[in-house]
């Protein structure tokens, strides 16, 4: 009887060891998702800008600078006297 019990224990341990890598990968992915969620919440709470928001603002500033340079280059038109 004791031998069958130890065989079942060995079988259960072998099964667990076989499943362990896939379980760890699943938990690692879940942990990564949770960490990313916490990071996003922290960014929001601290009112930090994201890289996408920064890039968008940088583009808008570049467009405004370009428009300003175009306006500065236009010859000044004086109204008729």
Protein backbone atom coordinates (compact mmCIF):
# COMPACT_ATOMS: atom_id res chain seq x y z
CA UNK A 1 0.00 0.00 0.00
CA UNK A 2 2.75 2.42 0.91
CA UNK A 3 4.45 1.76 -2.41
CA UNK A 4 1.30 2.65 -4.35
CA UNK A 5 0.93 5.83 -2.32
CA UNK A 6 4.49 6.85 -3.04
CA UNK A 7 4.02 6.00 -6.73
CA UNK A 8 0.99 8.30 -6.85
CA UNK A 9 3.00 11.01 -5.14
CA UNK A 10 5.83 10.60 -7.65
CA UNK A 11 3.33 10.68 -10.52
CA UNK A 12 1.73 13.82 -9.13
CA UNK A 13 5.12 15.49 -8.71
CA UNK A 14 6.16 14.54 -12.24
CA UNK A 15 2.92 15.97 -13.59
CA UNK A 16 3.39 19.17 -11.61
CA UNK A 17 6.99 19.52 -12.80
CA UNK A 18 5.82 18.99 -16.36
CA UNK A 19 3.20 21.75 -16.04
CA UNK A 20 5.44 24.15 -14.13
CA UNK A 21 7.06 25.93 -17.11
CA UNK A 22 3.73 26.73 -18.75
CA UNK A 23 2.23 27.84 -15.44
CA UNK A 24 5.19 30.12 -14.80
CA UNK A 25 4.93 31.64 -18.28
CA UNK A 26 1.25 32.34 -17.72
CA UNK A 27 1.89 33.93 -14.35
CA UNK A 28 4.81 35.96 -15.72
CA UNK A 29 2.57 37.34 -18.47
CA UNK A 30 -0.17 38.11 -15.97
CA UNK A 31 2.32 39.80 -13.66
CA UNK A 32 3.66 41.86 -16.56
CA UNK A 33 0.13 42.97 -17.45
CA UNK A 34 -0.54 43.92 -13.83
CA UNK A 35 2.75 45.82 -13.58
CA UNK A 36 1.94 47.68 -16.78
CA UNK A 37 -1.51 48.56 -15.44
CA UNK A 38 -0.01 49.90 -12.22
CA UNK A 39 2.51 51.92 -14.21
CA UNK A 40 -0.24 53.45 -16.39
CA UNK A 41 -2.24 54.34 -13.28
CA UNK A 42 0.82 55.97 -11.73
CA UNK A 43 1.48 57.99 -14.88
CA UNK A 44 -2.14 59.19 -14.84
CA UNK A 45 -2.05 60.00 -11.14
CA UNK A 46 1.15 62.02 -11.47
CA UNK A 47 -0.18 63.79 -14.59
CA UNK A 48 2.84 62.72 -16.61
CA UNK A 49 2.64 62.84 -20.38
CA UNK A 50 2.99 59.68 -22.39
CA UNK A 51 5.45 59.36 -25.25
CA UNK A 52 2.57 59.52 -27.74
CA UNK A 53 1.24 62.74 -26.16
CA UNK A 54 4.73 64.24 -26.17
CA UNK A 55 5.26 63.32 -29.83
CA UNK A 56 1.89 64.84 -30.75
CA UNK A 57 2.71 68.10 -28.98
CA UNK A 58 6.17 68.19 -30.54
CA UNK A 59 4.58 67.86 -33.99
CA UNK A 60 2.08 70.62 -33.25
CA UNK A 61 4.86 72.96 -32.10
CA UNK A 62 6.84 72.22 -35.27
CA UNK A 63 3.76 72.99 -37.38
CA UNK A 64 3.19 76.28 -35.56
CA UNK A 65 6.85 77.26 -35.95
CA UNK A 66 6.62 76.51 -39.66
CA UNK A 67 3.49 78.65 -40.03
CA UNK A 68 5.14 81.47 -38.11
CA UNK A 69 8.20 81.37 -40.40
CA UNK A 70 5.90 81.53 -43.44
CA UNK A 71 4.10 84.55 -42.01
CA UNK A 72 7.39 86.28 -41.21
CA UNK A 73 8.61 85.78 -44.80
CA UNK A 74 5.53 87.27 -46.49
CA UNK A 75 6.10 90.85 -47.60
CA UNK A 76 4.16 93.30 -45.57
CA UNK A 77 1.18 94.57 -47.55
CA UNK A 78 0.27 98.12 -46.65
CA UNK A 79 -3.32 99.18 -47.05
CA UNK A 80 -3.94 101.78 -49.75
CA UNK A 81 -3.65 105.32 -48.55
